[in-house]
Structures are given as structure tokens and as C-alpha cells.
Amino acid sequence: MLQPKKTKYQKMQKGRTKGKETRATELTFGTIGLKSLGSHWIKSSQIEAARKVLLRYFKGKGKIWIRIFPQKSITFKGNEVGMGGGKGSVVGYVYPIKPGRIIFEVDGVPEELAESAFKEAGTKLPVKTKVIKAG
């Protein structure tokens, strides 16, 4: 699963995911892409599940670009732990996605195959997505 090798601070604050994405809203590397239509935290395991779907569809052909990387740490305190005592331990990493962000890009595969693969990969993610084409 994806996670950063090193971070400046181990535990991050929640932050907010309001508004629309301003970066990575157009296809840059590939000809077909998967675009987010909502905002949510995407876990590294969900990105990995969608990536595996794409690999299974393409069978080693074409090139896949993952345009998001989970570098925001999420923490939890254990069950039945009282108030105080500091912040919980890091349990995983997420990417806070906003509407309009390109999640995956693909090049070198037929359009019909890429569209069906992206539709199934989109079901593995917690946001609504749509398939976009270059041009």
C-alpha cells in the first residue's frame, strides 16, 4: 500500500475539503482518465484496490499513472479510552480529494477497454467518478 517514507510531522490535523480542485484537473500524461466528482478521504487501500482492477483489465498492456498519493496521516484512539492522554496512534494514510481531481490516467489501451476498467475501478473508491477523454 502507498504511504510516505518520511514525514515532517507524524500526526496531522484534520483540515477541511471544501471547494473545487485547482490542480490536476486536466489530462496530462494519458489519453483517458478517471475524474472525481465529490470530496472525501481516499484511503491507501482503496487506491490500491482500484489499481489492481486496472491491472487485471489491461493485462500488462498500456501505462497507468496514479495522480494522487496518500500522505495525510489518520489517527484513532482505542475503544474505551477516556478523554485526555493525547492524540491516538497513526493507523493509516489518506488523500483528501476534491471535485475535479484526476485520479488515474491511462495510455496505450483501447478506449472501450479503458472505459469499462475505469467504471469498475470507480466502484472501489468512496467518491462518484466519471471517465474523461483527451481532446
Protein backbone atom coordinates (compact mmCIF):
# COMPACT_ATOMS: atom_id res chain seq x y z
CA MET A 1 0.00 0.00 0.00
CA LEU A 2 1.04 3.57 -0.56
CA GLN A 3 2.46 5.54 2.34
CA PRO A 4 5.16 8.17 2.71
CA LYS A 5 8.70 7.08 3.58
CA LYS A 6 9.23 10.04 5.86
CA THR A 7 7.07 12.90 7.12
CA LYS A 8 7.96 16.13 8.86
CA TYR A 9 5.24 15.61 11.47
CA GLN A 10 3.89 12.21 12.41
CA LYS A 11 0.32 13.28 13.19
CA MET A 12 -1.68 15.74 11.09
CA GLN A 13 -4.74 17.81 11.85
CA LYS A 14 -7.99 17.06 10.06
CA GLY A 15 -8.28 20.13 7.85
CA ARG A 16 -11.26 20.75 5.56
CA THR A 17 -12.02 19.69 1.99
CA LYS A 18 -14.28 22.48 0.75
CA GLY A 19 -14.34 23.86 -2.76
CA LYS A 20 -13.17 22.55 -6.10
CA GLU A 21 -9.76 21.27 -7.06
CA THR A 22 -7.47 23.70 -8.89
CA ARG A 23 -4.55 21.36 -9.60
CA ALA A 24 -4.53 18.21 -11.78
CA THR A 25 -7.91 18.89 -13.37
CA GLU A 26 -6.83 18.14 -16.96
CA LEU A 27 -5.31 15.05 -18.55
CA THR A 28 -1.52 15.48 -18.70
CA PHE A 29 0.05 12.06 -19.26
CA GLY A 30 -2.59 9.75 -20.73
CA THR A 31 -5.50 9.89 -23.17
CA ILE A 32 -8.25 8.59 -20.86
CA GLY A 33 -8.69 9.37 -17.17
CA LEU A 34 -10.87 8.92 -14.10
CA LYS A 35 -12.07 12.19 -12.54
CA SER A 36 -13.54 12.76 -9.07
CA LEU A 37 -16.99 14.36 -8.77
CA GLY A 38 -17.08 14.65 -4.97
CA SER A 39 -14.93 15.26 -1.93
CA HIS A 40 -13.85 12.56 0.50
CA TRP A 41 -10.82 10.97 2.13
CA ILE A 42 -9.48 8.16 -0.07
CA LYS A 43 -7.54 5.53 1.88
CA SER A 44 -4.37 3.98 0.51
CA SER A 45 -6.08 0.57 0.47
CA GLN A 46 -8.86 1.94 -1.75
CA ILE A 47 -6.33 3.36 -4.21
CA GLU A 48 -4.58 0.00 -4.26
CA ALA A 49 -7.86 -1.86 -4.88
CA ALA A 50 -8.69 0.39 -7.84
CA ARG A 51 -5.15 -0.01 -9.21
CA LYS A 52 -5.45 -3.81 -9.07
CA VAL A 53 -8.70 -3.66 -11.04
CA LEU A 54 -6.98 -1.63 -13.76
CA LEU A 55 -4.04 -4.05 -13.91
CA ARG A 56 -6.38 -7.01 -14.19
CA TYR A 57 -8.23 -5.39 -17.11
CA PHE A 58 -5.16 -4.23 -19.02
CA LYS A 59 -3.10 -7.43 -18.55
CA GLY A 60 0.27 -5.67 -18.73
CA LYS A 61 -0.56 -3.50 -21.73
CA GLY A 62 -0.54 0.29 -21.68
CA LYS A 63 0.71 2.67 -19.00
CA ILE A 64 -1.13 3.73 -15.83
CA TRP A 65 -0.48 6.95 -13.91
CA ILE A 66 -1.77 7.39 -10.35
CA ARG A 67 -2.22 11.15 -9.85
CA ILE A 68 -2.90 11.08 -6.10
CA PHE A 69 -0.70 9.99 -3.20
CA PRO A 70 -1.95 9.39 0.39
CA GLN A 71 0.34 11.43 2.63
CA LYS A 72 -2.14 12.67 5.24
CA SER A 73 -1.97 10.52 8.38
CA ILE A 74 -5.12 9.49 10.22
CA THR A 75 -5.17 8.55 13.89
CA PHE A 76 -7.51 6.67 16.21
CA LYS A 77 -7.64 6.15 19.94
CA GLY A 78 -8.57 2.70 21.17
CA ASN A 79 -12.01 1.66 22.37
CA GLU A 80 -12.99 2.63 25.91
CA VAL A 81 -10.14 5.11 26.25
CA GLY A 82 -11.03 8.17 28.28
CA MET A 83 -10.69 11.82 27.33
CA GLY A 84 -7.20 13.26 27.50
CA GLY A 85 -3.95 11.38 27.21
CA GLY A 86 -3.05 12.93 23.86
CA LYS A 87 -3.80 12.03 20.27
CA GLY A 88 -4.18 8.43 19.14
CA SER A 89 -1.64 6.47 17.14
CA VAL A 90 -1.34 6.62 13.34
CA VAL A 91 -3.38 3.85 11.70
CA GLY A 92 -3.12 4.75 8.02
CA TYR A 93 -2.81 7.37 5.33
CA VAL A 94 -5.41 9.09 3.17
CA TYR A 95 -5.66 11.59 0.31
CA PRO A 96 -8.32 14.31 0.82
CA ILE A 97 -9.80 14.56 -2.67
CA LYS A 98 -11.89 17.43 -4.03
CA PRO A 99 -14.25 17.53 -7.03
CA GLY A 100 -12.46 17.83 -10.37
CA ARG A 101 -9.25 15.99 -9.47
CA ILE A 102 -7.86 13.42 -11.92
CA ILE A 103 -7.24 10.17 -10.02
CA PHE A 104 -5.92 7.81 -12.72
CA GLU A 105 -4.71 8.25 -16.29
CA VAL A 106 -4.12 5.58 -18.92
CA ASP A 107 -2.49 5.47 -22.33
CA GLY A 108 -1.87 2.70 -24.85
CA VAL A 109 -5.10 0.69 -24.40
CA PRO A 110 -8.34 0.66 -26.45
CA GLU A 111 -10.98 3.21 -25.36
CA GLU A 112 -13.75 0.66 -24.73
CA LEU A 113 -11.47 -1.43 -22.50
CA ALA A 114 -10.29 1.62 -20.58
CA GLU A 115 -13.84 2.89 -20.02
CA SER A 116 -15.06 -0.45 -18.64
CA ALA A 117 -11.97 -0.73 -16.43
CA PHE A 118 -12.43 2.80 -15.06
CA LYS A 119 -16.11 2.18 -14.33
CA GLU A 120 -15.24 -0.86 -12.23
CA ALA A 121 -12.28 0.89 -10.58
CA GLY A 122 -14.61 3.77 -9.68
CA THR A 123 -16.75 1.39 -7.63
CA LYS A 124 -13.75 0.74 -5.37
CA LEU A 125 -13.49 4.44 -4.45
CA PRO A 126 -15.70 6.33 -1.93
CA VAL A 127 -16.49 9.19 -4.36
CA LYS A 128 -18.54 9.44 -7.53
CA THR A 129 -16.32 9.44 -10.59
CA LYS A 130 -16.57 9.89 -14.35
CA VAL A 131 -14.43 8.79 -17.29
CA ILE A 132 -12.92 11.63 -19.34
CA LYS A 133 -11.08 11.62 -22.66
CA ALA A 134 -8.39 13.91 -24.04
CA GLY A 135 -9.42 16.41 -26.66
